[in-house]
Amino acid sequence: MILEIRTYRLKPGTGEEFVRVMQQESVPLLEKAGIRVVECGASLVAEGGHEEAYLIRAFASLAQHREQEDAFYGSDAWRHGPREAIVSRIDSYHTIVLDVPEDAAQAFRRG
């Protein structure tokens, strides 16, 4: 399984709304597009005083990762939906992609 961990450094004062939009609008769209969202939320600590958040997603393969991301981020549902509310709050982001056992995704799930 391919596990993608994306971290976001957010613009000051935008963390709470970013996480709300991510959880209530973006995640349902991602899941509707067939993308498995493992978890998302706010970081427990702020690096250098910056609010931060994360998104963890799982894919069957690297090819599926590329295909599903391209389809999702090119879709009208994303571009005319929560895209601006998400992108406008991001200062920068970083993504790592790992090849892990299936049960690794379960370790990241809350409750």
C-alpha atoms as a PDB file:
ATOM      1  CA  MET A   1       0.000   0.000   0.000  1.00  0.00           C
ATOM      2  CA  ILE A   2       1.116   3.536  -0.707  1.00  0.00           C
ATOM      3  CA  LEU A   3       0.690   5.972   2.170  1.00  0.00           C
ATOM      4  CA  GLU A   4       0.886   9.701   1.483  1.00  0.00           C
ATOM      5  CA  ILE A   5       1.450  12.103   4.370  1.00  0.00           C
ATOM      6  CA  ARG A   6       0.962  15.758   3.520  1.00  0.00           C
ATOM      7  CA  THR A   7       1.690  18.545   5.992  1.00  0.00           C
ATOM      8  CA  TYR A   8       0.497  22.109   5.589  1.00  0.00           C
ATOM      9  CA  ARG A   9       2.017  25.269   7.046  1.00  0.00           C
ATOM     10  CA  LEU A  10      -0.913  27.655   7.263  1.00  0.00           C
ATOM     11  CA  LYS A  11      -1.276  31.396   7.157  1.00  0.00           C
ATOM     12  CA  PRO A  12      -1.700  32.948  10.626  1.00  0.00           C
ATOM     13  CA  GLY A  13      -5.167  32.633  12.109  1.00  0.00           C
ATOM     14  CA  THR A  14      -6.496  30.244   9.447  1.00  0.00           C
ATOM     15  CA  GLY A  15      -5.958  26.839  11.052  1.00  0.00           C
ATOM     16  CA  GLU A  16      -9.383  26.277  12.554  1.00  0.00           C
ATOM     17  CA  GLU A  17     -11.244  27.162   9.353  1.00  0.00           C
ATOM     18  CA  PHE A  18      -8.763  25.205   7.202  1.00  0.00           C
ATOM     19  CA  VAL A  19      -9.368  22.037   9.232  1.00  0.00           C
ATOM     20  CA  ARG A  20     -13.143  22.574   9.193  1.00  0.00           C
ATOM     21  CA  VAL A  21     -13.213  22.940   5.393  1.00  0.00           C
ATOM     22  CA  MET A  22     -10.853  19.981   4.998  1.00  0.00           C
ATOM     23  CA  GLN A  23     -12.952  17.691   7.197  1.00  0.00           C
ATOM     24  CA  GLN A  24     -16.426  18.814   6.132  1.00  0.00           C
ATOM     25  CA  GLU A  25     -15.916  19.603   2.440  1.00  0.00           C
ATOM     26  CA  SER A  26     -12.628  18.308   0.997  1.00  0.00           C
ATOM     27  CA  VAL A  27     -12.547  14.862   2.610  1.00  0.00           C
ATOM     28  CA  PRO A  28     -16.067  13.948   1.437  1.00  0.00           C
ATOM     29  CA  LEU A  29     -15.096  14.992  -2.112  1.00  0.00           C
ATOM     30  CA  LEU A  30     -11.874  12.991  -1.955  1.00  0.00           C
ATOM     31  CA  GLU A  31     -13.761   9.918  -0.753  1.00  0.00           C
ATOM     32  CA  LYS A  32     -16.450  10.365  -3.415  1.00  0.00           C
ATOM     33  CA  ALA A  33     -13.614  10.380  -5.974  1.00  0.00           C
ATOM     34  CA  GLY A  34     -12.433   7.016  -4.596  1.00  0.00           C
ATOM     35  CA  ILE A  35      -9.464   8.364  -2.632  1.00  0.00           C
ATOM     36  CA  ARG A  36      -9.031   6.706   0.741  1.00  0.00           C
ATOM     37  CA  VAL A  37      -8.519   9.329   3.443  1.00  0.00           C
ATOM     38  CA  VAL A  38      -6.901   7.805   6.509  1.00  0.00           C
ATOM     39  CA  GLU A  39      -6.931  10.913   8.709  1.00  0.00           C
ATOM     40  CA  CYS A  40      -6.652  14.693   8.705  1.00  0.00           C
ATOM     41  CA  GLY A  41      -6.555  17.435  11.299  1.00  0.00           C
ATOM     42  CA  ALA A  42      -4.507  20.077  13.055  1.00  0.00           C
ATOM     43  CA  SER A  43      -1.009  19.522  14.369  1.00  0.00           C
ATOM     44  CA  LEU A  44      -0.719  19.441  18.147  1.00  0.00           C
ATOM     45  CA  VAL A  45       2.235  21.844  18.013  1.00  0.00           C
ATOM     46  CA  ALA A  46       3.008  24.883  15.899  1.00  0.00           C
ATOM     47  CA  GLU A  47       6.446  25.000  14.287  1.00  0.00           C
ATOM     48  CA  GLY A  48       7.970  28.444  14.580  1.00  0.00           C
ATOM     49  CA  GLY A  49       4.603  29.854  15.644  1.00  0.00           C
ATOM     50  CA  HIS A  50       2.887  28.721  12.418  1.00  0.00           C
ATOM     51  CA  GLU A  51      -0.357  26.758  12.541  1.00  0.00           C
ATOM     52  CA  GLU A  52      -0.018  23.414  10.793  1.00  0.00           C
ATOM     53  CA  ALA A  53      -2.321  20.651   9.600  1.00  0.00           C
ATOM     54  CA  TYR A  54      -2.001  17.250   7.951  1.00  0.00           C
ATOM     55  CA  LEU A  55      -3.730  14.921   5.519  1.00  0.00           C
ATOM     56  CA  ILE A  56      -2.963  11.194   5.306  1.00  0.00           C
ATOM     57  CA  ARG A  57      -4.222   9.235   2.298  1.00  0.00           C
ATOM     58  CA  ALA A  58      -3.793   5.639   1.137  1.00  0.00           C
ATOM     59  CA  PHE A  59      -3.542   4.235  -2.394  1.00  0.00           C
ATOM     60  CA  ALA A  60      -3.163   0.740  -3.827  1.00  0.00           C
ATOM     61  CA  SER A  61      -0.153   1.725  -5.962  1.00  0.00           C
ATOM     62  CA  LEU A  62       1.931   4.667  -7.176  1.00  0.00           C
ATOM     63  CA  ALA A  63       0.080   4.542 -10.487  1.00  0.00           C
ATOM     64  CA  GLN A  64      -3.272   4.786  -8.681  1.00  0.00           C
ATOM     65  CA  HIS A  65      -1.902   7.675  -6.603  1.00  0.00           C
ATOM     66  CA  ARG A  66      -1.008   9.656  -9.738  1.00  0.00           C
ATOM     67  CA  GLU A  67      -4.219   8.803 -11.588  1.00  0.00           C
ATOM     68  CA  GLN A  68      -6.558   9.606  -8.718  1.00  0.00           C
ATOM     69  CA  GLU A  69      -4.764  12.839  -7.804  1.00  0.00           C
ATOM     70  CA  ASP A  70      -4.772  14.052 -11.412  1.00  0.00           C
ATOM     71  CA  ALA A  71      -8.457  13.255 -11.793  1.00  0.00           C
ATOM     72  CA  PHE A  72      -9.438  14.807  -8.466  1.00  0.00           C
ATOM     73  CA  TYR A  73      -7.450  18.046  -8.708  1.00  0.00           C
ATOM     74  CA  GLY A  74      -8.591  18.535 -12.306  1.00  0.00           C
ATOM     75  CA  SER A  75     -12.256  17.999 -11.454  1.00  0.00           C
ATOM     76  CA  ASP A  76     -14.924  20.691 -11.445  1.00  0.00           C
ATOM     77  CA  ALA A  77     -16.061  19.469  -8.016  1.00  0.00           C
ATOM     78  CA  TRP A  78     -12.660  20.467  -6.559  1.00  0.00           C
ATOM     79  CA  ARG A  79     -11.965  23.554  -8.654  1.00  0.00           C
ATOM     80  CA  HIS A  80     -15.439  25.044  -8.112  1.00  0.00           C
ATOM     81  CA  GLY A  81     -15.845  23.606  -4.607  1.00  0.00           C
ATOM     82  CA  PRO A  82     -13.549  23.940  -1.581  1.00  0.00           C
ATOM     83  CA  ARG A  83     -10.329  24.556  -3.540  1.00  0.00           C
ATOM     84  CA  GLU A  84     -10.100  28.299  -2.885  1.00  0.00           C
ATOM     85  CA  ALA A  85     -11.007  27.935   0.806  1.00  0.00           C
ATOM     86  CA  ILE A  86      -8.169  25.417   1.182  1.00  0.00           C
ATOM     87  CA  VAL A  87      -5.473  26.871  -1.082  1.00  0.00           C
ATOM     88  CA  SER A  88      -5.905  30.456   0.159  1.00  0.00           C
ATOM     89  CA  ARG A  89      -4.985  29.384   3.709  1.00  0.00           C
ATOM     90  CA  ILE A  90      -1.813  27.445   2.814  1.00  0.00           C
ATOM     91  CA  ASP A  91       1.568  29.105   3.191  1.00  0.00           C
ATOM     92  CA  SER A  92       3.433  25.969   2.075  1.00  0.00           C
ATOM     93  CA  TYR A  93       3.074  22.193   2.128  1.00  0.00           C
ATOM     94  CA  HIS A  94       5.246  19.108   2.008  1.00  0.00           C
ATOM     95  CA  THR A  95       4.362  15.587   0.907  1.00  0.00           C
ATOM     96  CA  ILE A  96       6.060  12.263   1.529  1.00  0.00           C
ATOM     97  CA  VAL A  97       4.952   9.005  -0.072  1.00  0.00           C
ATOM     98  CA  LEU A  98       5.776   5.671   1.539  1.00  0.00           C
ATOM     99  CA  ASP A  99       5.361   2.008   0.613  1.00  0.00           C
ATOM    100  CA  VAL A 100       3.961   0.415   3.792  1.00  0.00           C
ATOM    101  CA  PRO A 101       1.998  -2.660   4.921  1.00  0.00           C
ATOM    102  CA  GLU A 102      -1.809  -2.302   4.826  1.00  0.00           C
ATOM    103  CA  ASP A 103      -2.140  -2.263   8.591  1.00  0.00           C
ATOM    104  CA  ALA A 104       0.099   0.825   8.832  1.00  0.00           C
ATOM    105  CA  ALA A 105      -2.842   3.003   7.748  1.00  0.00           C
ATOM    106  CA  GLN A 106      -4.891   1.724  10.693  1.00  0.00           C
ATOM    107  CA  ALA A 107      -2.203   2.940  13.098  1.00  0.00           C
ATOM    108  CA  PHE A 108      -2.878   6.528  11.981  1.00  0.00           C
ATOM    109  CA  ARG A 109      -6.659   6.386  12.388  1.00  0.00           C
ATOM    110  CA  ARG A 110      -8.174   8.064  15.432  1.00  0.00           C
ATOM    111  CA  GLY A 111     -10.632   6.209  17.647  1.00  0.00           C
END
